[in-house]
Amino acid sequence: MFTSIHREGTYTTKYDDAKQKFGTDDLMPLWVADMDLPSPLCVQESLAKRAAHPIYGYTVYPPRYYEAIQTWMQKRFSWRIEQEWIVPCYGVVPSLNFAISAYSEVGESIIVQTPLYPPFVSSIETKQRKVLDNTLLYKDGKYSIDFEDFEAKAKEARLFLLCSPHNPTSRAWNEEELEKLIALCLKYDVLIISDEIHADIMYEKIHHSVGSFESMMHKCVVFNAPSKTFNIAGLNTSYAIIPSVELRQKFIQEQNSSGISNGNPFGIEALISAYEEGDVWLDNLKVHLQSNISYVSDFIHKHALPIGIVPTEATFLIWLDCSKMGLTQDELIAFFCYQAKLGLNDGLSFGEAGRGFMRLNIGLGKEHLELGMQRLLQAYILE
């Protein structure tokens, strides 16, 4: 049974930073992409055991850390990786920044696909590179890739920042789509930087890592972490998988120049225990999340709310199409925040293609979610 845990006062961004973000503290925060569900018992026990040792000094990454990642990739995705391909990292967002610096020059162009997790675009702009937006096509409530536009942009691009599965649309790219993207990137010599942090939470489809395609193996960099999967984002432990020796050395050099080199002892313990013992917990979590997704969809349909549910193929994030509510984006935000008392992510923060949308986090207990949906219904009735 997955039940929401009280988090206020634990310095959590979702709750303790909600007032600063939304201007009120009387709403239900359903925004930041972490869950209100407890991490698996194996992780809790491993952290408690480590905490019992009274010294928390500089920490190295042990062989068991690399072996846990290798085994997880093989077991969950049938992808056999070598230990030397793995580069321990602090987090996926810092790693995106390192990759942009390592593999491109100021003024060069980088492809993204909006609507998109904001740090992709902001990282490119901060590094003074040019953003090429291969905006996803949205038709009949579903998203797809505009391959003709992608090819046109690939002709001048140096890098392609892929989000797989995609955040916020929750699209799980299939093998055929990835093969088309890979073919175009190979044709125009575009390096793929793939954020696959949500790969573990897939539903009907199978995740295919870009790095598992033999043709792309030495022309890509893959980022992943146990943080979203096992709700341990605050432990700042992720990793890169880089088969190419040349690309790996460039990334390590860039990361080292930042001064980030030591491991987090708790993050290391959490990764090892989660990957070694967390299979059953994850499978049960996915059942719970699917139930939550179905509940939201059924609730909106039952009460004829003018909100579309974009098919959630992956992640614990639902992309809500609110365009038929007849509200401006500011009015939409105000409706959810001040009338429904729900703190969701503003769709426009994911780019212009997110106008008319809101992102809902359903990584919580069913009873909590039911309360949130009742708030939504009452606000709509009183609108």
Protein backbone atom coordinates (compact mmCIF):
# COMPACT_ATOMS: atom_id res chain seq x y z
CA MET A 1 0.00 0.00 0.00
CA PHE A 2 1.48 3.35 -1.07
CA THR A 3 0.36 6.23 1.15
CA SER A 4 1.41 9.88 1.11
CA ILE A 5 3.90 10.84 3.82
CA HIS A 6 3.76 14.16 5.68
CA ARG A 7 6.73 16.19 4.39
CA GLU A 8 6.31 19.72 5.74
CA GLY A 9 9.28 20.90 7.79
CA THR A 10 11.77 18.53 6.15
CA TYR A 11 13.21 21.31 3.97
CA THR A 12 11.51 19.81 0.95
CA THR A 13 11.21 22.02 -2.12
CA LYS A 14 7.70 20.85 -2.98
CA TYR A 15 6.18 21.89 0.35
CA ASP A 16 8.51 24.27 2.13
CA ASP A 17 9.13 26.36 -0.98
CA ALA A 18 5.50 26.35 -2.14
CA LYS A 19 4.55 29.68 -0.57
CA GLN A 20 7.42 31.47 -2.29
CA LYS A 21 6.48 29.92 -5.63
CA PHE A 22 2.70 30.23 -5.51
CA GLY A 23 2.24 33.14 -3.11
CA THR A 24 0.08 31.11 -0.74
CA ASP A 25 0.60 28.25 1.70
CA ASP A 26 -2.94 26.85 1.72
CA LEU A 27 -2.70 24.75 -1.42
CA MET A 28 -1.83 21.13 -2.18
CA PRO A 29 1.59 21.09 -3.90
CA LEU A 30 1.51 18.78 -6.92
CA TRP A 31 4.42 20.21 -8.87
CA VAL A 32 8.09 19.25 -8.25
CA ALA A 33 8.96 15.89 -9.86
CA ASP A 34 9.54 13.88 -6.72
CA MET A 35 6.99 11.69 -4.95
CA ASP A 36 5.21 11.95 -1.62
CA LEU A 37 5.68 8.20 -1.25
CA PRO A 38 8.36 6.59 0.94
CA SER A 39 11.48 5.17 -0.65
CA PRO A 40 11.75 1.37 -0.53
CA LEU A 41 12.59 -0.23 2.80
CA CYS A 42 15.91 -1.52 1.46
CA VAL A 43 17.00 2.08 0.82
CA GLN A 44 15.79 3.25 4.23
CA GLU A 45 17.69 0.45 5.96
CA SER A 46 20.90 1.02 4.00
CA LEU A 47 20.88 4.72 4.85
CA ALA A 48 20.17 4.04 8.52
CA LYS A 49 23.05 1.57 8.64
CA ARG A 50 25.43 4.08 7.03
CA ALA A 51 24.22 6.88 9.29
CA ALA A 52 25.02 4.72 12.31
CA HIS A 53 28.69 5.11 11.47
CA PRO A 54 29.58 8.52 12.95
CA ILE A 55 31.96 9.70 10.24
CA TYR A 56 30.73 11.10 6.93
CA GLY A 57 33.95 12.01 5.18
CA TYR A 58 35.19 12.13 1.60
CA THR A 59 33.87 9.12 -0.26
CA VAL A 60 34.96 7.10 -3.28
CA TYR A 61 32.75 5.06 -5.60
CA PRO A 62 33.29 1.36 -4.78
CA PRO A 63 33.22 -1.49 -7.35
CA ARG A 64 29.79 -2.47 -6.02
CA TYR A 65 28.40 0.89 -7.19
CA TYR A 66 29.43 0.21 -10.80
CA GLU A 67 28.30 -3.41 -10.63
CA ALA A 68 24.86 -2.36 -9.39
CA ILE A 69 24.42 -0.04 -12.39
CA GLN A 70 25.63 -2.69 -14.83
CA THR A 71 23.28 -5.31 -13.42
CA TRP A 72 20.33 -2.91 -13.42
CA MET A 73 20.84 -1.95 -17.05
CA GLN A 74 21.09 -5.57 -18.10
CA LYS A 75 18.15 -6.73 -15.99
CA ARG A 76 15.69 -3.92 -16.71
CA PHE A 77 16.66 -2.91 -20.27
CA SER A 78 18.68 -5.84 -21.68
CA TRP A 79 21.57 -3.42 -22.20
CA ARG A 80 25.02 -4.81 -21.44
CA ILE A 81 27.37 -2.00 -20.48
CA GLU A 82 31.02 -2.04 -19.47
CA GLN A 83 32.18 -0.70 -16.13
CA GLU A 84 34.56 1.78 -17.71
CA TRP A 85 31.65 3.43 -19.55
CA ILE A 86 30.13 4.61 -16.26
CA VAL A 87 31.00 8.08 -14.98
CA PRO A 88 29.62 8.99 -11.52
CA CYS A 89 27.92 12.40 -11.50
CA TYR A 90 26.33 14.83 -9.06
CA GLY A 91 23.05 15.19 -10.98
CA VAL A 92 21.58 15.11 -14.47
CA VAL A 93 21.07 18.89 -14.81
CA PRO A 94 24.69 19.75 -13.91
CA SER A 95 25.75 16.97 -16.28
CA LEU A 96 23.76 18.53 -19.12
CA ASN A 97 25.69 21.73 -18.55
CA PHE A 98 29.01 19.88 -18.54
CA ALA A 99 28.09 18.09 -21.76
CA ILE A 100 27.17 21.32 -23.53
CA SER A 101 30.52 22.83 -22.57
CA ALA A 102 32.48 19.68 -23.40
CA TYR A 103 31.00 19.00 -26.83
CA SER A 104 30.12 22.39 -28.32
CA GLU A 105 31.43 25.90 -28.69
CA VAL A 106 29.84 29.28 -27.96
CA GLY A 107 27.41 30.17 -30.75
CA GLU A 108 26.89 26.60 -31.98
CA SER A 109 23.38 25.21 -32.34
CA ILE A 110 21.67 22.59 -30.18
CA ILE A 111 18.34 20.87 -30.89
CA VAL A 112 15.63 20.43 -28.27
CA GLN A 113 12.00 19.32 -28.46
CA THR A 114 9.51 21.52 -26.65
CA PRO A 115 7.41 21.52 -24.56
CA LEU A 116 10.38 20.49 -22.46
CA TYR A 117 11.79 20.33 -18.94
CA PRO A 118 13.06 23.95 -18.50
CA PRO A 119 16.75 23.28 -17.63
CA PHE A 120 17.38 21.94 -21.14
CA VAL A 121 16.75 25.32 -22.77
CA SER A 122 18.15 27.42 -19.92
CA SER A 123 21.39 25.41 -19.92
CA ILE A 124 21.86 26.06 -23.63
CA GLU A 125 21.16 29.78 -23.25
CA THR A 126 23.40 30.11 -20.19
CA LYS A 127 26.25 28.53 -22.16
CA GLN A 128 25.62 31.02 -25.00
CA ARG A 129 24.65 28.40 -27.55
CA LYS A 130 21.78 28.69 -30.03
CA VAL A 131 18.51 26.86 -29.32
CA LEU A 132 16.95 25.02 -32.26
CA ASP A 133 13.41 24.07 -31.27
CA ASN A 134 12.13 20.95 -33.02
CA THR A 135 8.69 21.53 -31.48
CA LEU A 136 6.76 18.31 -30.98
CA LEU A 137 3.62 17.88 -33.08
CA TYR A 138 0.39 17.78 -31.10
CA LYS A 139 -2.63 16.29 -32.84
CA ASP A 140 -5.74 14.52 -31.56
CA GLY A 141 -4.40 14.66 -28.01
CA LYS A 142 -1.11 12.92 -28.82
CA TYR A 143 2.49 13.99 -29.41
CA SER A 144 4.82 12.94 -32.21
CA ILE A 145 8.12 14.07 -33.71
CA ASP A 146 8.31 16.39 -36.70
CA PHE A 147 11.07 14.53 -38.53
CA GLU A 148 11.10 16.87 -41.53
CA ASP A 149 11.75 19.84 -39.27
CA PHE A 150 14.29 17.82 -37.27
CA GLU A 151 16.32 17.08 -40.40
CA ALA A 152 16.28 20.75 -41.42
CA LYS A 153 17.64 21.73 -38.02
CA ALA A 154 20.12 18.83 -37.82
CA LYS A 155 21.96 20.32 -40.80
CA GLU A 156 23.27 23.13 -38.60
CA ALA A 157 23.24 21.49 -35.16
CA ARG A 158 26.18 20.30 -33.11
CA LEU A 159 24.19 18.52 -30.38
CA PHE A 160 20.72 17.12 -29.79
CA LEU A 161 19.44 17.09 -26.19
CA LEU A 162 16.99 14.19 -26.11
CA CYS A 163 14.56 13.66 -23.23
CA SER A 164 13.66 9.96 -23.17
CA PRO A 165 11.06 9.33 -21.79
CA HIS A 166 9.91 12.87 -22.46
CA ASN A 167 9.13 15.36 -19.72
CA PRO A 168 6.49 16.85 -19.53
CA THR A 169 4.48 15.05 -22.25
CA SER A 170 5.24 11.57 -20.81
CA ARG A 171 5.90 10.21 -24.29
CA ALA A 172 7.91 6.98 -24.37
CA TRP A 173 9.72 7.06 -27.69
CA ASN A 174 9.44 3.75 -29.51
CA GLU A 175 12.21 1.93 -31.32
CA GLU A 176 11.17 3.16 -34.76
CA GLU A 177 11.13 6.80 -33.66
CA LEU A 178 14.55 6.51 -32.06
CA GLU A 179 15.98 4.79 -35.13
CA LYS A 180 14.80 7.69 -37.30
CA LEU A 181 16.35 10.24 -34.95
CA ILE A 182 19.59 8.27 -34.82
CA ALA A 183 19.78 7.98 -38.60
CA LEU A 184 19.40 11.75 -38.99
CA CYS A 185 21.95 12.49 -36.28
CA LEU A 186 24.46 10.14 -37.89
CA LYS A 187 23.79 11.64 -41.30
CA TYR A 188 24.54 15.18 -40.12
CA ASP A 189 27.12 14.31 -37.44
CA VAL A 190 24.99 15.42 -34.49
CA LEU A 191 25.93 14.13 -31.05
CA ILE A 192 23.00 12.92 -28.93
CA ILE A 193 22.92 13.80 -25.22
CA SER A 194 20.11 11.70 -23.75
CA ASP A 195 18.44 12.33 -20.40
CA GLU A 196 16.88 8.98 -19.44
CA ILE A 197 16.18 9.67 -15.78
CA HIS A 198 12.52 8.56 -16.08
CA ALA A 199 13.34 5.32 -17.94
CA ASP A 200 12.43 3.00 -15.07
CA ILE A 201 8.84 4.21 -14.87
CA MET A 202 7.44 2.99 -18.18
CA TYR A 203 4.04 1.38 -18.48
CA GLU A 204 2.95 -0.41 -21.66
CA LYS A 205 6.06 0.31 -23.70
CA ILE A 206 9.69 -0.81 -23.35
CA HIS A 207 12.44 1.75 -22.86
CA HIS A 208 15.18 1.69 -25.49
CA SER A 209 18.28 3.63 -24.48
CA VAL A 210 19.94 5.54 -27.29
CA GLY A 211 23.21 4.01 -26.14
CA SER A 212 21.91 0.50 -26.77
CA PHE A 213 21.71 1.11 -30.53
CA GLU A 214 24.99 -0.16 -31.93
CA SER A 215 25.13 2.49 -34.65
CA MET A 216 24.85 5.31 -32.09
CA MET A 217 26.87 3.79 -29.26
CA HIS A 218 29.97 5.91 -29.82
CA LYS A 219 28.07 9.04 -30.80
CA CYS A 220 26.00 9.54 -27.67
CA VAL A 221 26.11 10.30 -23.97
CA VAL A 222 23.40 8.86 -21.71
CA PHE A 223 22.46 10.31 -18.32
CA ASN A 224 20.48 8.38 -15.73
CA ALA A 225 19.90 8.13 -11.97
CA PRO A 226 17.84 6.22 -9.41
CA SER A 227 16.48 9.53 -8.09
CA LYS A 228 13.06 9.67 -9.77
CA THR A 229 12.51 5.93 -9.59
CA PHE A 230 13.19 5.46 -5.87
CA ASN A 231 12.41 8.99 -4.68
CA ILE A 232 15.94 9.87 -3.61
CA ALA A 233 16.55 13.04 -5.66
CA GLY A 234 17.89 14.91 -2.64
CA LEU A 235 20.90 12.59 -2.42
CA ASN A 236 22.37 14.07 -5.62
CA THR A 237 23.73 10.87 -7.14
CA SER A 238 23.52 10.17 -10.88
CA TYR A 239 25.74 8.77 -13.59
CA ALA A 240 26.67 9.05 -17.24
CA ILE A 241 27.11 6.08 -19.58
CA ILE A 242 29.62 6.98 -22.28
CA PRO A 243 30.96 4.10 -24.43
CA SER A 244 33.27 6.36 -26.48
CA VAL A 245 36.67 6.81 -24.85
CA GLU A 246 37.12 10.23 -26.47
CA LEU A 247 33.71 11.53 -25.41
CA ARG A 248 34.15 10.09 -21.93
CA GLN A 249 37.49 11.79 -21.40
CA LYS A 250 36.10 15.14 -22.55
CA PHE A 251 33.14 14.85 -20.18
CA ILE A 252 35.31 13.83 -17.21
CA GLN A 253 37.67 16.71 -17.86
CA GLU A 254 34.78 19.20 -17.94
CA GLN A 255 33.18 17.75 -14.81
CA ASN A 256 36.48 17.72 -12.93
CA SER A 257 37.07 21.37 -13.80
CA SER A 258 33.93 22.20 -11.81
CA GLY A 259 35.46 20.75 -8.65
CA ILE A 260 32.80 18.07 -8.33
CA SER A 261 34.59 14.79 -7.82
CA ASN A 262 33.72 13.25 -4.44
CA GLY A 263 30.79 10.92 -3.96
CA ASN A 264 27.89 11.38 -1.55
CA PRO A 265 28.13 8.44 0.91
CA PHE A 266 24.35 8.28 1.33
CA GLY A 267 23.67 8.59 -2.38
CA ILE A 268 26.04 5.74 -3.12
CA GLU A 269 24.42 3.51 -0.49
CA ALA A 270 20.95 4.37 -1.78
CA LEU A 271 21.84 3.59 -5.40
CA ILE A 272 23.39 0.25 -4.52
CA SER A 273 20.53 -0.92 -2.31
CA ALA A 274 17.84 0.31 -4.73
CA TYR A 275 19.39 -1.37 -7.76
CA GLU A 276 20.22 -4.57 -5.88
CA GLU A 277 16.97 -5.02 -3.97
CA GLY A 278 14.36 -2.61 -5.34
CA ASP A 279 12.83 -4.61 -8.21
CA VAL A 280 9.66 -5.78 -6.48
CA TRP A 281 9.05 -2.39 -4.90
CA LEU A 282 9.37 -0.70 -8.31
CA ASP A 283 6.98 -3.12 -9.97
CA ASN A 284 4.43 -2.46 -7.23
CA LEU A 285 5.00 1.29 -7.51
CA LYS A 286 4.19 1.21 -11.22
CA VAL A 287 0.91 -0.57 -10.51
CA HIS A 288 0.05 2.13 -7.97
CA LEU A 289 0.96 4.95 -10.35
CA GLN A 290 -1.06 3.40 -13.17
CA SER A 291 -4.03 3.23 -10.83
CA ASN A 292 -3.59 6.93 -10.03
CA ILE A 293 -3.39 7.81 -13.71
CA SER A 294 -6.58 5.88 -14.42
CA TYR A 295 -8.30 7.53 -11.48
CA VAL A 296 -7.53 11.04 -12.73
CA SER A 297 -8.62 10.19 -16.26
CA ASP A 298 -11.85 8.53 -15.10
CA PHE A 299 -12.63 11.38 -12.70
CA ILE A 300 -12.24 14.06 -15.36
CA HIS A 301 -14.33 12.06 -17.83
CA LYS A 302 -17.04 11.23 -15.27
CA HIS A 303 -17.52 14.86 -14.28
CA ALA A 304 -17.18 16.16 -17.87
CA LEU A 305 -14.39 18.57 -16.98
CA PRO A 306 -13.04 20.40 -20.07
CA ILE A 307 -9.53 19.01 -19.54
CA GLY A 308 -7.75 16.59 -21.83
CA ILE A 309 -5.40 13.91 -20.51
CA VAL A 310 -2.40 13.39 -22.75
CA PRO A 311 -1.66 9.61 -22.71
CA THR A 312 0.81 8.97 -19.89
CA GLU A 313 3.20 6.37 -21.30
CA ALA A 314 5.89 6.95 -18.67
CA THR A 315 6.75 8.97 -15.54
CA PHE A 316 4.49 9.97 -12.64
CA LEU A 317 3.61 13.25 -14.35
CA ILE A 318 0.35 13.88 -16.21
CA TRP A 319 0.27 16.54 -18.92
CA LEU A 320 -3.14 18.23 -18.79
CA ASP A 321 -4.55 19.91 -21.88
CA CYS A 322 -6.62 22.77 -20.45
CA SER A 323 -7.06 24.68 -23.71
CA LYS A 324 -10.82 24.05 -23.78
CA MET A 325 -11.31 25.80 -20.44
CA GLY A 326 -11.28 29.10 -22.31
CA LEU A 327 -8.78 30.76 -19.98
CA THR A 328 -5.60 32.69 -20.63
CA GLN A 329 -2.45 31.14 -19.16
CA ASP A 330 -2.48 33.58 -16.25
CA GLU A 331 -6.15 32.82 -15.60
CA LEU A 332 -5.43 29.10 -15.82
CA ILE A 333 -2.68 29.35 -13.23
CA ALA A 334 -4.91 31.44 -10.98
CA PHE A 335 -7.75 28.94 -11.31
CA PHE A 336 -5.63 26.00 -10.15
CA CYS A 337 -3.76 27.93 -7.50
CA TYR A 338 -6.35 30.23 -5.91
CA GLN A 339 -9.64 28.50 -6.68
CA ALA A 340 -8.78 24.81 -6.74
CA LYS A 341 -5.97 25.32 -4.23
CA LEU A 342 -3.68 23.04 -6.24
CA GLY A 343 -0.05 23.86 -7.00
CA LEU A 344 0.74 22.51 -10.47
CA ASN A 345 3.54 23.35 -12.89
CA ASP A 346 2.67 26.09 -15.36
CA GLY A 347 2.70 24.61 -18.87
CA LEU A 348 4.24 27.78 -20.27
CA SER A 349 7.37 27.18 -18.18
CA PHE A 350 8.08 24.30 -20.58
CA GLY A 351 8.12 26.66 -23.55
CA GLU A 352 5.55 28.35 -25.76
CA ALA A 353 4.32 24.91 -26.85
CA GLY A 354 3.12 24.41 -23.28
CA ARG A 355 0.61 27.26 -23.41
CA GLY A 356 -2.81 25.98 -22.34
CA PHE A 357 -1.31 23.05 -20.41
CA MET A 358 -0.53 22.26 -16.78
CA ARG A 359 1.64 19.44 -15.35
CA LEU A 360 0.20 17.32 -12.55
CA ASN A 361 2.35 15.13 -10.28
CA ILE A 362 0.46 11.94 -9.30
CA GLY A 363 3.30 10.39 -7.28
CA LEU A 364 1.27 10.32 -4.05
CA GLY A 365 -1.22 8.21 -2.13
CA LYS A 366 -4.66 7.61 -3.65
CA GLU A 367 -6.45 9.27 -0.74
CA HIS A 368 -4.42 12.44 -1.25
CA LEU A 369 -5.05 12.40 -4.98
CA GLU A 370 -8.79 11.99 -4.44
CA LEU A 371 -8.78 15.09 -2.26
CA GLY A 372 -6.99 17.01 -4.99
CA MET A 373 -9.50 15.98 -7.63
CA GLN A 374 -12.40 16.98 -5.38
CA ARG A 375 -10.81 20.41 -5.01
CA LEU A 376 -10.56 20.66 -8.80
CA LEU A 377 -14.21 19.69 -9.26
CA GLN A 378 -15.51 22.13 -6.67
CA ALA A 379 -13.48 24.97 -8.16
CA TYR A 380 -14.85 24.22 -11.61
CA ILE A 381 -18.45 24.09 -10.35
CA LEU A 382 -18.02 27.47 -8.67
CA GLU A 383 -16.18 29.00 -11.64
